[in-house]
N, C-alpha and C. Protein backbone atom coordinates (compact mmCIF):
# COMPACT_ATOMS: atom_id res chain seq x y z
N MET A 1 28.18 54.09 -101.91
CA MET A 1 28.11 54.34 -100.48
C MET A 1 27.21 53.32 -99.83
N ASN A 2 27.61 52.78 -98.71
CA ASN A 2 26.84 51.77 -98.01
C ASN A 2 25.79 52.42 -97.12
N GLN A 3 24.60 51.83 -97.07
CA GLN A 3 23.52 52.36 -96.28
C GLN A 3 23.69 51.97 -94.82
N PRO A 4 23.72 52.95 -93.91
CA PRO A 4 23.86 52.64 -92.50
C PRO A 4 22.55 52.18 -91.93
N ALA A 5 22.61 51.59 -90.73
CA ALA A 5 21.40 51.07 -90.11
C ALA A 5 20.51 52.19 -89.62
N THR A 6 21.12 53.29 -89.16
CA THR A 6 20.35 54.40 -88.63
C THR A 6 20.87 55.72 -89.16
N ILE A 7 20.05 56.77 -88.97
CA ILE A 7 20.44 58.11 -89.37
C ILE A 7 20.63 58.94 -88.11
N LEU A 8 21.71 59.70 -88.05
CA LEU A 8 21.96 60.56 -86.91
C LEU A 8 21.13 61.83 -87.07
N ARG A 9 20.02 61.91 -86.31
CA ARG A 9 19.12 63.05 -86.45
C ARG A 9 19.38 64.09 -85.36
N THR A 10 20.63 64.42 -85.16
CA THR A 10 21.02 65.41 -84.18
C THR A 10 22.01 66.37 -84.80
N GLY A 11 22.36 67.41 -84.05
CA GLY A 11 23.31 68.37 -84.57
C GLY A 11 22.60 69.59 -85.12
N ARG A 12 23.22 70.74 -84.97
CA ARG A 12 22.56 71.99 -85.34
C ARG A 12 22.38 72.14 -86.84
N LYS A 13 23.10 71.36 -87.64
CA LYS A 13 23.00 71.51 -89.09
C LYS A 13 22.10 70.47 -89.74
N PHE A 14 21.51 69.59 -88.93
CA PHE A 14 20.67 68.53 -89.50
C PHE A 14 19.47 69.12 -90.25
N ASP A 15 18.73 70.01 -89.61
CA ASP A 15 17.58 70.64 -90.26
C ASP A 15 18.01 71.47 -91.46
N GLN A 16 19.16 72.07 -91.36
CA GLN A 16 19.71 72.87 -92.45
C GLN A 16 19.96 72.01 -93.68
N VAL A 17 20.50 70.83 -93.46
CA VAL A 17 20.76 69.88 -94.54
C VAL A 17 19.45 69.43 -95.18
N LEU A 18 18.46 69.11 -94.35
CA LEU A 18 17.17 68.67 -94.87
C LEU A 18 16.51 69.73 -95.73
N GLU A 19 16.54 70.97 -95.27
CA GLU A 19 15.91 72.05 -96.01
C GLU A 19 16.58 72.27 -97.36
N GLY A 20 17.91 72.25 -97.36
CA GLY A 20 18.63 72.41 -98.62
C GLY A 20 18.36 71.26 -99.56
N ALA A 21 18.35 70.03 -99.04
CA ALA A 21 18.07 68.86 -99.87
C ALA A 21 16.66 68.92 -100.43
N ARG A 22 15.70 69.33 -99.62
CA ARG A 22 14.31 69.43 -100.08
C ARG A 22 14.21 70.35 -101.28
N ASP A 23 14.87 71.51 -101.20
CA ASP A 23 14.81 72.49 -102.29
C ASP A 23 15.42 71.92 -103.58
N VAL A 24 16.55 71.23 -103.43
CA VAL A 24 17.24 70.70 -104.62
C VAL A 24 16.47 69.53 -105.23
N PHE A 25 15.96 68.63 -104.40
CA PHE A 25 15.17 67.51 -104.92
C PHE A 25 13.93 68.00 -105.64
N MET A 26 13.27 69.01 -105.10
CA MET A 26 12.06 69.54 -105.72
C MET A 26 12.37 70.21 -107.06
N ALA A 27 13.53 70.83 -107.15
CA ALA A 27 13.90 71.54 -108.38
C ALA A 27 14.48 70.61 -109.45
N ASP A 28 15.29 69.63 -109.04
CA ASP A 28 16.07 68.85 -110.01
C ASP A 28 15.70 67.37 -110.08
N GLY A 29 14.80 66.91 -109.19
CA GLY A 29 14.49 65.50 -109.16
C GLY A 29 15.55 64.72 -108.40
N PHE A 30 15.34 63.42 -108.28
CA PHE A 30 16.29 62.60 -107.52
C PHE A 30 17.61 62.43 -108.26
N GLU A 31 17.54 62.00 -109.51
CA GLU A 31 18.75 61.73 -110.27
C GLU A 31 19.52 63.02 -110.55
N GLY A 32 18.79 64.10 -110.81
CA GLY A 32 19.44 65.36 -111.16
C GLY A 32 20.05 66.09 -109.98
N ALA A 33 19.66 65.71 -108.78
CA ALA A 33 20.17 66.38 -107.58
C ALA A 33 21.58 65.89 -107.27
N SER A 34 22.54 66.78 -107.30
CA SER A 34 23.92 66.39 -106.99
C SER A 34 24.25 66.72 -105.54
N VAL A 35 25.22 65.99 -105.01
CA VAL A 35 25.66 66.22 -103.64
C VAL A 35 26.24 67.63 -103.51
N ASP A 36 26.95 68.08 -104.53
CA ASP A 36 27.51 69.43 -104.50
C ASP A 36 26.41 70.48 -104.39
N ASP A 37 25.35 70.31 -105.19
CA ASP A 37 24.25 71.28 -105.16
C ASP A 37 23.52 71.27 -103.82
N ILE A 38 23.34 70.08 -103.27
CA ILE A 38 22.65 69.97 -101.98
C ILE A 38 23.48 70.62 -100.88
N ALA A 39 24.77 70.35 -100.87
CA ALA A 39 25.64 70.95 -99.86
C ALA A 39 25.64 72.47 -99.98
N ARG A 40 25.67 72.96 -101.22
CA ARG A 40 25.67 74.40 -101.46
C ARG A 40 24.36 75.03 -100.99
N ALA A 41 23.24 74.39 -101.32
CA ALA A 41 21.94 74.92 -100.92
C ALA A 41 21.76 74.90 -99.41
N ALA A 42 22.35 73.90 -98.77
CA ALA A 42 22.24 73.78 -97.31
C ALA A 42 23.24 74.66 -96.57
N GLY A 43 24.23 75.15 -97.29
CA GLY A 43 25.25 75.98 -96.65
C GLY A 43 26.18 75.19 -95.76
N VAL A 44 26.46 73.93 -96.16
CA VAL A 44 27.36 73.09 -95.39
C VAL A 44 28.41 72.49 -96.32
N SER A 45 29.44 71.91 -95.73
CA SER A 45 30.45 71.23 -96.53
C SER A 45 29.96 69.84 -96.93
N LYS A 46 30.59 69.27 -97.94
CA LYS A 46 30.23 67.91 -98.34
C LYS A 46 30.54 66.94 -97.22
N ALA A 47 31.58 67.20 -96.45
CA ALA A 47 31.94 66.33 -95.34
C ALA A 47 30.82 66.32 -94.29
N THR A 48 30.26 67.50 -94.03
CA THR A 48 29.15 67.57 -93.07
C THR A 48 27.93 66.84 -93.60
N LEU A 49 27.66 67.03 -94.88
CA LEU A 49 26.52 66.35 -95.50
C LEU A 49 26.68 64.83 -95.40
N TYR A 50 27.85 64.33 -95.73
CA TYR A 50 28.10 62.89 -95.68
C TYR A 50 28.08 62.34 -94.25
N SER A 51 28.38 63.19 -93.28
CA SER A 51 28.36 62.72 -91.89
C SER A 51 26.93 62.40 -91.45
N TYR A 52 25.98 63.07 -92.07
CA TYR A 52 24.58 62.79 -91.78
C TYR A 52 24.00 61.74 -92.73
N PHE A 53 24.32 61.88 -94.01
CA PHE A 53 23.71 61.02 -95.03
C PHE A 53 24.76 60.55 -96.03
N PRO A 54 25.37 59.39 -95.80
CA PRO A 54 26.36 58.86 -96.74
C PRO A 54 25.73 58.33 -98.03
N ASP A 55 24.40 58.27 -98.10
CA ASP A 55 23.70 57.76 -99.27
C ASP A 55 22.61 58.76 -99.66
N LYS A 56 22.58 59.15 -100.93
CA LYS A 56 21.59 60.14 -101.39
C LYS A 56 20.17 59.64 -101.23
N ARG A 57 19.98 58.33 -101.38
CA ARG A 57 18.64 57.78 -101.20
C ARG A 57 18.17 57.92 -99.76
N LEU A 58 19.08 57.76 -98.82
CA LEU A 58 18.74 57.97 -97.42
C LEU A 58 18.28 59.40 -97.18
N LEU A 59 18.96 60.34 -97.80
CA LEU A 59 18.61 61.75 -97.66
C LEU A 59 17.23 62.02 -98.26
N PHE A 60 16.97 61.45 -99.42
CA PHE A 60 15.67 61.62 -100.07
C PHE A 60 14.56 61.06 -99.19
N MET A 61 14.79 59.88 -98.62
CA MET A 61 13.80 59.25 -97.75
C MET A 61 13.55 60.08 -96.49
N GLU A 62 14.61 60.66 -95.96
CA GLU A 62 14.45 61.46 -94.75
C GLU A 62 13.69 62.76 -95.03
N VAL A 63 13.94 63.34 -96.19
CA VAL A 63 13.16 64.53 -96.58
C VAL A 63 11.68 64.17 -96.66
N ALA A 64 11.38 63.03 -97.30
CA ALA A 64 9.99 62.59 -97.43
C ALA A 64 9.39 62.27 -96.06
N ARG A 65 10.14 61.55 -95.24
CA ARG A 65 9.64 61.16 -93.92
C ARG A 65 9.36 62.39 -93.06
N ASN A 66 10.27 63.34 -93.07
CA ASN A 66 10.14 64.53 -92.24
C ASN A 66 8.92 65.36 -92.65
N GLU A 67 8.75 65.56 -93.95
CA GLU A 67 7.63 66.36 -94.45
C GLU A 67 6.30 65.68 -94.20
N CYS A 68 6.22 64.39 -94.49
CA CYS A 68 4.97 63.66 -94.33
C CYS A 68 4.61 63.47 -92.87
N ALA A 69 5.60 63.30 -92.02
CA ALA A 69 5.33 63.19 -90.58
C ALA A 69 4.75 64.49 -90.05
N ARG A 70 5.28 65.61 -90.52
CA ARG A 70 4.74 66.91 -90.11
C ARG A 70 3.30 67.06 -90.56
N GLN A 71 3.03 66.69 -91.81
CA GLN A 71 1.68 66.80 -92.34
C GLN A 71 0.72 65.86 -91.61
N ALA A 72 1.21 64.67 -91.27
CA ALA A 72 0.37 63.72 -90.54
C ALA A 72 0.03 64.26 -89.16
N CYS A 73 1.01 64.86 -88.49
CA CYS A 73 0.75 65.43 -87.16
C CYS A 73 -0.23 66.58 -87.25
N ASP A 74 -0.11 67.39 -88.29
CA ASP A 74 -1.06 68.49 -88.48
C ASP A 74 -2.47 67.96 -88.64
N ALA A 75 -2.60 66.90 -89.42
CA ALA A 75 -3.92 66.31 -89.67
C ALA A 75 -4.52 65.76 -88.38
N VAL A 76 -3.71 65.04 -87.61
CA VAL A 76 -4.21 64.45 -86.36
C VAL A 76 -4.58 65.52 -85.36
N ASP A 77 -3.76 66.56 -85.26
CA ASP A 77 -4.06 67.65 -84.33
C ASP A 77 -5.40 68.28 -84.66
N MET A 78 -5.67 68.47 -85.96
CA MET A 78 -6.92 69.08 -86.37
C MET A 78 -8.09 68.13 -86.15
N VAL A 79 -7.92 66.86 -86.45
CA VAL A 79 -8.98 65.88 -86.27
C VAL A 79 -9.37 65.75 -84.81
N GLU A 80 -8.38 65.80 -83.92
CA GLU A 80 -8.64 65.62 -82.50
C GLU A 80 -9.40 66.78 -81.88
N THR A 81 -9.48 67.92 -82.61
CA THR A 81 -10.25 69.05 -82.11
C THR A 81 -11.73 68.93 -82.51
N CYS A 82 -12.06 67.94 -83.33
CA CYS A 82 -13.43 67.76 -83.81
C CYS A 82 -14.19 66.79 -82.90
N CYS A 83 -15.49 66.77 -83.07
CA CYS A 83 -16.32 65.92 -82.22
C CYS A 83 -16.95 64.76 -82.97
N THR A 84 -17.61 65.03 -84.08
CA THR A 84 -18.35 64.00 -84.79
C THR A 84 -17.56 63.47 -85.97
N PRO A 85 -17.86 62.23 -86.42
CA PRO A 85 -17.18 61.70 -87.61
C PRO A 85 -17.29 62.59 -88.85
N PRO A 86 -18.46 63.16 -89.17
CA PRO A 86 -18.50 64.04 -90.35
C PRO A 86 -17.51 65.20 -90.24
N GLU A 87 -17.40 65.78 -89.06
CA GLU A 87 -16.46 66.90 -88.86
C GLU A 87 -15.02 66.41 -88.94
N ALA A 88 -14.72 65.32 -88.25
CA ALA A 88 -13.35 64.81 -88.22
C ALA A 88 -12.90 64.34 -89.59
N LEU A 89 -13.78 63.63 -90.29
CA LEU A 89 -13.42 63.12 -91.62
C LEU A 89 -13.28 64.24 -92.63
N THR A 90 -14.06 65.29 -92.47
CA THR A 90 -13.93 66.45 -93.36
C THR A 90 -12.57 67.11 -93.18
N VAL A 91 -12.14 67.23 -91.93
CA VAL A 91 -10.82 67.80 -91.64
C VAL A 91 -9.72 66.90 -92.22
N ALA A 92 -9.85 65.58 -92.01
CA ALA A 92 -8.86 64.64 -92.53
C ALA A 92 -8.81 64.66 -94.05
N ALA A 93 -9.99 64.67 -94.67
CA ALA A 93 -10.05 64.69 -96.14
C ALA A 93 -9.46 65.98 -96.70
N ARG A 94 -9.72 67.08 -96.04
CA ARG A 94 -9.18 68.36 -96.49
C ARG A 94 -7.65 68.35 -96.42
N GLN A 95 -7.12 67.75 -95.37
CA GLN A 95 -5.66 67.67 -95.22
C GLN A 95 -5.05 66.72 -96.25
N ILE A 96 -5.69 65.58 -96.46
CA ILE A 96 -5.19 64.62 -97.45
C ILE A 96 -5.16 65.25 -98.84
N LEU A 97 -6.25 65.94 -99.20
CA LEU A 97 -6.32 66.57 -100.52
C LEU A 97 -5.29 67.68 -100.64
N SER A 98 -5.08 68.40 -99.55
CA SER A 98 -4.09 69.47 -99.56
C SER A 98 -2.69 68.93 -99.84
N VAL A 99 -2.37 67.79 -99.23
CA VAL A 99 -1.06 67.16 -99.46
C VAL A 99 -0.95 66.67 -100.90
N ILE A 100 -2.02 66.03 -101.40
CA ILE A 100 -2.02 65.50 -102.76
C ILE A 100 -1.79 66.60 -103.79
N LEU A 101 -2.42 67.75 -103.57
CA LEU A 101 -2.34 68.84 -104.54
C LEU A 101 -1.18 69.80 -104.28
N SER A 102 -0.46 69.59 -103.19
CA SER A 102 0.64 70.49 -102.85
C SER A 102 1.80 70.34 -103.83
N ASP A 103 2.61 71.36 -103.90
CA ASP A 103 3.79 71.30 -104.76
C ASP A 103 4.70 70.16 -104.34
N PHE A 104 4.85 69.97 -103.03
CA PHE A 104 5.67 68.88 -102.52
C PHE A 104 5.10 67.53 -102.95
N GLY A 105 3.80 67.33 -102.74
CA GLY A 105 3.17 66.06 -103.09
C GLY A 105 3.28 65.74 -104.56
N GLN A 106 3.05 66.73 -105.40
CA GLN A 106 3.12 66.53 -106.85
C GLN A 106 4.52 66.13 -107.28
N LYS A 107 5.51 66.88 -106.81
CA LYS A 107 6.88 66.64 -107.26
C LYS A 107 7.44 65.33 -106.74
N MET A 108 7.11 64.98 -105.51
CA MET A 108 7.58 63.70 -104.98
C MET A 108 6.98 62.54 -105.75
N PHE A 109 5.71 62.66 -106.09
CA PHE A 109 5.06 61.62 -106.87
C PHE A 109 5.74 61.47 -108.23
N ARG A 110 6.01 62.58 -108.88
CA ARG A 110 6.63 62.54 -110.21
C ARG A 110 8.06 62.01 -110.14
N ILE A 111 8.78 62.34 -109.09
CA ILE A 111 10.14 61.84 -108.93
C ILE A 111 10.14 60.32 -108.81
N CYS A 112 9.24 59.80 -107.98
CA CYS A 112 9.19 58.35 -107.77
C CYS A 112 8.82 57.61 -109.06
N VAL A 113 7.88 58.18 -109.82
CA VAL A 113 7.50 57.56 -111.09
C VAL A 113 8.65 57.63 -112.09
N ALA A 114 9.31 58.79 -112.17
CA ALA A 114 10.39 58.98 -113.13
C ALA A 114 11.58 58.07 -112.86
N GLU A 115 11.83 57.75 -111.59
CA GLU A 115 13.00 56.96 -111.22
C GLU A 115 12.67 55.49 -111.01
N ALA A 116 11.44 55.08 -111.33
CA ALA A 116 10.99 53.72 -111.03
C ALA A 116 11.85 52.64 -111.68
N ASP A 117 12.29 52.86 -112.92
CA ASP A 117 13.09 51.85 -113.63
C ASP A 117 14.50 51.75 -113.07
N ARG A 118 15.13 52.89 -112.82
CA ARG A 118 16.51 52.89 -112.35
C ARG A 118 16.62 52.56 -110.86
N PHE A 119 15.62 52.99 -110.10
CA PHE A 119 15.64 52.75 -108.65
C PHE A 119 14.29 52.18 -108.23
N PRO A 120 14.06 50.89 -108.51
CA PRO A 120 12.75 50.29 -108.25
C PRO A 120 12.31 50.33 -106.79
N ASP A 121 13.26 50.44 -105.87
CA ASP A 121 12.90 50.47 -104.45
C ASP A 121 12.54 51.88 -103.97
N LEU A 122 12.79 52.88 -104.80
CA LEU A 122 12.61 54.25 -104.37
C LEU A 122 11.15 54.55 -104.02
N GLY A 123 10.24 54.10 -104.90
CA GLY A 123 8.82 54.34 -104.66
C GLY A 123 8.34 53.66 -103.38
N ARG A 124 8.75 52.42 -103.20
CA ARG A 124 8.35 51.68 -101.99
C ARG A 124 8.89 52.36 -100.74
N GLN A 125 10.15 52.77 -100.81
CA GLN A 125 10.76 53.41 -99.65
C GLN A 125 10.10 54.76 -99.35
N PHE A 126 9.75 55.48 -100.42
CA PHE A 126 9.06 56.75 -100.22
C PHE A 126 7.69 56.53 -99.58
N TYR A 127 6.97 55.52 -100.07
CA TYR A 127 5.65 55.23 -99.52
C TYR A 127 5.74 54.87 -98.04
N GLU A 128 6.73 54.06 -97.70
CA GLU A 128 6.89 53.65 -96.30
C GLU A 128 7.34 54.81 -95.42
N SER A 129 8.11 55.72 -95.99
CA SER A 129 8.62 56.85 -95.21
C SER A 129 7.63 57.99 -95.12
N GLY A 130 6.72 58.08 -96.11
CA GLY A 130 5.82 59.22 -96.16
C GLY A 130 4.34 58.89 -96.07
N PRO A 131 3.70 58.56 -97.19
CA PRO A 131 2.25 58.32 -97.18
C PRO A 131 1.80 57.29 -96.15
N MET A 132 2.62 56.27 -95.88
CA MET A 132 2.22 55.27 -94.90
C MET A 132 2.09 55.88 -93.50
N VAL A 133 2.85 56.93 -93.23
CA VAL A 133 2.76 57.62 -91.94
C VAL A 133 1.39 58.27 -91.79
N VAL A 134 0.97 58.97 -92.84
CA VAL A 134 -0.35 59.62 -92.83
C VAL A 134 -1.45 58.56 -92.71
N ARG A 135 -1.30 57.49 -93.47
CA ARG A 135 -2.28 56.40 -93.45
C ARG A 135 -2.43 55.82 -92.05
N ALA A 136 -1.31 55.66 -91.35
CA ALA A 136 -1.36 55.10 -90.00
C ALA A 136 -2.13 56.01 -89.05
N ARG A 137 -1.96 57.32 -89.21
CA ARG A 137 -2.67 58.26 -88.36
C ARG A 137 -4.17 58.22 -88.63
N VAL A 138 -4.55 58.13 -89.90
CA VAL A 138 -5.97 58.04 -90.26
C VAL A 138 -6.55 56.74 -89.71
N LYS A 139 -5.82 55.65 -89.88
CA LYS A 139 -6.28 54.36 -89.36
C LYS A 139 -6.49 54.41 -87.85
N GLU A 140 -5.60 55.08 -87.15
CA GLU A 140 -5.72 55.21 -85.70
C GLU A 140 -7.02 55.91 -85.32
N TYR A 141 -7.35 56.98 -86.03
CA TYR A 141 -8.61 57.68 -85.74
C TYR A 141 -9.81 56.78 -86.02
N LEU A 142 -9.78 56.06 -87.13
CA LEU A 142 -10.89 55.18 -87.49
C LEU A 142 -11.10 54.10 -86.44
N GLU A 143 -10.01 53.57 -85.91
CA GLU A 143 -10.12 52.55 -84.86
C GLU A 143 -10.76 53.14 -83.60
N GLN A 144 -10.36 54.33 -83.24
CA GLN A 144 -10.90 54.98 -82.05
C GLN A 144 -12.38 55.31 -82.23
N ALA A 145 -12.75 55.81 -83.41
CA ALA A 145 -14.15 56.16 -83.67
C ALA A 145 -15.03 54.92 -83.68
N THR A 146 -14.50 53.82 -84.20
CA THR A 146 -15.24 52.56 -84.20
C THR A 146 -15.42 52.04 -82.78
N ALA A 147 -14.39 52.15 -81.97
CA ALA A 147 -14.47 51.72 -80.57
C ALA A 147 -15.51 52.52 -79.80
N ARG A 148 -15.70 53.78 -80.20
CA ARG A 148 -16.71 54.63 -79.54
C ARG A 148 -18.12 54.38 -80.10
N GLY A 149 -18.21 53.54 -81.13
CA GLY A 149 -19.50 53.26 -81.73
C GLY A 149 -19.94 54.28 -82.76
N GLU A 150 -19.02 55.15 -83.19
CA GLU A 150 -19.37 56.21 -84.14
C GLU A 150 -19.27 55.74 -85.59
N LEU A 151 -18.47 54.71 -85.83
CA LEU A 151 -18.33 54.14 -87.17
C LEU A 151 -18.43 52.62 -87.06
N ARG A 152 -18.69 51.97 -88.19
CA ARG A 152 -18.75 50.51 -88.24
C ARG A 152 -17.74 50.03 -89.27
N ILE A 153 -16.56 49.67 -88.81
CA ILE A 153 -15.47 49.28 -89.71
C ILE A 153 -14.86 47.99 -89.20
N GLU A 154 -14.63 47.05 -90.11
CA GLU A 154 -13.94 45.82 -89.78
C GLU A 154 -12.51 45.82 -90.29
N ASP A 155 -12.33 46.28 -91.51
CA ASP A 155 -11.00 46.31 -92.12
C ASP A 155 -10.50 47.76 -92.11
N PHE A 156 -9.72 48.11 -91.11
CA PHE A 156 -9.29 49.49 -90.94
C PHE A 156 -8.26 49.92 -91.99
N ASP A 157 -7.42 48.98 -92.41
CA ASP A 157 -6.44 49.30 -93.46
C ASP A 157 -7.15 49.67 -94.75
N LEU A 158 -8.12 48.86 -95.14
CA LEU A 158 -8.87 49.13 -96.36
C LEU A 158 -9.62 50.44 -96.26
N ALA A 159 -10.26 50.69 -95.12
CA ALA A 159 -11.04 51.91 -94.95
C ALA A 159 -10.16 53.16 -95.05
N ALA A 160 -8.96 53.10 -94.45
CA ALA A 160 -8.04 54.24 -94.53
C ALA A 160 -7.61 54.49 -95.97
N ASP A 161 -7.34 53.42 -96.70
CA ASP A 161 -6.97 53.56 -98.11
C ASP A 161 -8.13 54.11 -98.94
N GLN A 162 -9.33 53.66 -98.65
CA GLN A 162 -10.49 54.11 -99.40
C GLN A 162 -10.73 55.60 -99.20
N LEU A 163 -10.56 56.09 -97.98
CA LEU A 163 -10.74 57.52 -97.74
C LEU A 163 -9.74 58.32 -98.57
N ALA A 164 -8.50 57.88 -98.57
CA ALA A 164 -7.47 58.58 -99.34
C ALA A 164 -7.77 58.56 -100.83
N GLU A 165 -8.24 57.42 -101.34
CA GLU A 165 -8.54 57.31 -102.77
C GLU A 165 -9.74 58.17 -103.15
N LEU A 166 -10.73 58.25 -102.27
CA LEU A 166 -11.89 59.10 -102.53
C LEU A 166 -11.48 60.57 -102.66
N CYS A 167 -10.44 60.95 -101.94
CA CYS A 167 -9.97 62.33 -101.98
C CYS A 167 -9.23 62.66 -103.29
N LYS A 168 -8.90 61.64 -104.07
CA LYS A 168 -8.20 61.85 -105.34
C LYS A 168 -9.16 62.03 -106.51
N ALA A 169 -10.45 61.84 -106.27
CA ALA A 169 -11.42 61.87 -107.36
C ALA A 169 -11.35 63.19 -108.14
N ASP A 170 -11.36 63.08 -109.45
CA ASP A 170 -11.44 64.21 -110.38
C ASP A 170 -10.18 65.06 -110.42
N LEU A 171 -9.78 65.64 -109.29
CA LEU A 171 -8.70 66.62 -109.31
C LEU A 171 -7.33 66.00 -109.54
N PHE A 172 -7.05 64.88 -108.90
CA PHE A 172 -5.73 64.26 -109.03
C PHE A 172 -5.41 63.85 -110.47
N PRO A 173 -6.31 63.16 -111.18
CA PRO A 173 -6.00 62.83 -112.59
C PRO A 173 -5.80 64.08 -113.44
N ARG A 174 -6.58 65.10 -113.21
CA ARG A 174 -6.42 66.34 -113.98
C ARG A 174 -5.06 66.98 -113.72
N LEU A 175 -4.59 66.85 -112.49
CA LEU A 175 -3.29 67.40 -112.13
C LEU A 175 -2.15 66.58 -112.74
N VAL A 176 -2.23 65.26 -112.62
CA VAL A 176 -1.18 64.37 -113.10
C VAL A 176 -0.97 64.51 -114.61
N PHE A 177 -2.07 64.67 -115.34
CA PHE A 177 -1.98 64.76 -116.79
C PHE A 177 -1.92 66.19 -117.29
N ASN A 178 -1.65 67.13 -116.37
CA ASN A 178 -1.47 68.54 -116.73
C ASN A 178 -2.67 69.15 -117.44
N ILE A 179 -3.85 68.64 -117.11
CA ILE A 179 -5.06 69.24 -117.65
C ILE A 179 -5.32 70.57 -116.93
N ASP A 180 -5.13 70.55 -115.63
CA ASP A 180 -5.23 71.76 -114.81
C ASP A 180 -4.12 71.72 -113.77
N ILE A 181 -3.65 72.89 -113.34
CA ILE A 181 -2.60 72.94 -112.32
C ILE A 181 -3.09 73.68 -111.07
N GLU A 182 -4.22 74.34 -111.15
CA GLU A 182 -4.78 75.03 -110.00
C GLU A 182 -6.27 74.73 -109.92
N PHE A 183 -6.78 74.69 -108.69
CA PHE A 183 -8.19 74.37 -108.49
C PHE A 183 -8.81 75.36 -107.51
N THR A 184 -10.06 75.70 -107.75
CA THR A 184 -10.74 76.65 -106.89
C THR A 184 -11.12 75.99 -105.57
N GLU A 185 -11.45 76.82 -104.60
CA GLU A 185 -11.89 76.31 -103.31
C GLU A 185 -13.16 75.49 -103.47
N ALA A 186 -14.04 75.94 -104.38
CA ALA A 186 -15.29 75.21 -104.62
C ALA A 186 -15.03 73.83 -105.18
N GLU A 187 -14.05 73.70 -106.08
CA GLU A 187 -13.70 72.39 -106.64
C GLU A 187 -13.15 71.47 -105.56
N ARG A 188 -12.33 72.00 -104.70
CA ARG A 188 -11.76 71.20 -103.62
C ARG A 188 -12.85 70.74 -102.65
N GLU A 189 -13.71 71.67 -102.26
CA GLU A 189 -14.76 71.34 -101.31
C GLU A 189 -15.75 70.34 -101.89
N ARG A 190 -15.97 70.38 -103.18
CA ARG A 190 -16.86 69.41 -103.84
C ARG A 190 -16.32 68.00 -103.66
N VAL A 191 -15.01 67.82 -103.87
CA VAL A 191 -14.38 66.51 -103.73
C VAL A 191 -14.39 66.07 -102.26
N ILE A 192 -14.07 66.99 -101.37
CA ILE A 192 -14.03 66.67 -99.94
C ILE A 192 -15.41 66.23 -99.46
N LYS A 193 -16.43 67.00 -99.80
CA LYS A 193 -17.80 66.68 -99.40
C LYS A 193 -18.23 65.32 -99.94
N GLY A 194 -17.93 65.07 -101.22
CA GLY A 194 -18.28 63.79 -101.82
C GLY A 194 -17.55 62.63 -101.18
N ALA A 195 -16.28 62.83 -100.83
CA ALA A 195 -15.49 61.77 -100.21
C ALA A 195 -16.06 61.40 -98.84
N VAL A 196 -16.37 62.40 -98.04
CA VAL A 196 -16.88 62.15 -96.69
C VAL A 196 -18.26 61.51 -96.74
N GLU A 197 -19.13 62.02 -97.61
CA GLU A 197 -20.47 61.46 -97.71
C GLU A 197 -20.45 60.00 -98.18
N THR A 198 -19.58 59.70 -99.15
CA THR A 198 -19.47 58.34 -99.65
C THR A 198 -18.90 57.43 -98.58
N PHE A 199 -17.89 57.89 -97.86
CA PHE A 199 -17.27 57.10 -96.81
C PHE A 199 -18.28 56.79 -95.69
N LEU A 200 -19.05 57.79 -95.28
CA LEU A 200 -20.02 57.59 -94.21
C LEU A 200 -21.19 56.74 -94.66
N ALA A 201 -21.51 56.80 -95.95
CA ALA A 201 -22.58 55.93 -96.46
C ALA A 201 -22.20 54.46 -96.31
N ARG A 202 -20.92 54.18 -96.38
CA ARG A 202 -20.42 52.81 -96.23
C ARG A 202 -20.15 52.45 -94.78
N TYR A 203 -19.59 53.37 -94.01
CA TYR A 203 -19.09 53.02 -92.68
C TYR A 203 -19.79 53.74 -91.53
N GLY A 204 -20.76 54.58 -91.80
CA GLY A 204 -21.44 55.29 -90.73
C GLY A 204 -22.22 54.35 -89.82
N ALA A 205 -22.24 54.66 -88.53
CA ALA A 205 -22.94 53.80 -87.57
C ALA A 205 -24.44 54.04 -87.60
């Protein structure tokens, strides 16, 4: 199937298709997800599914983009209700860690790694459709806080990446290697607190 230039994000069954595809991708992975199963889960015909997404990779990317865009908007909405950098960064770090440890985040990460050899562009496309959206929102806040004199940052791209990486400390490796699958609130808050304190030690005004 040839990849179209754009995706038609209209029609009453568009969200229905995305929800069904999300469930199937999470359960069966990218390669294991069949068009028949996705259409069945979405409650639509294959013709309807193809009218929206003639390429399964396009559908996978749209599922990732839709979910990550929602999470990014949630993070920004929460950050904008805060006043000081410690408060705003704590909210952002909590949201980033929540996404990393979520069932969606875990499974999407594993899918991209598992399909890396057969579909080398899949990981890049997922990153551009998903995590890069969240990164852009974090970068936007950092730029605004620096303009207000609340932070001292020159390289905003690096700073946004560093905050995200700090949020992966301890818990993410334990999750990836199946050492632990659940974490207490105290464990999460320990990582969040450490990430914010380390970030402010480097970039605080």
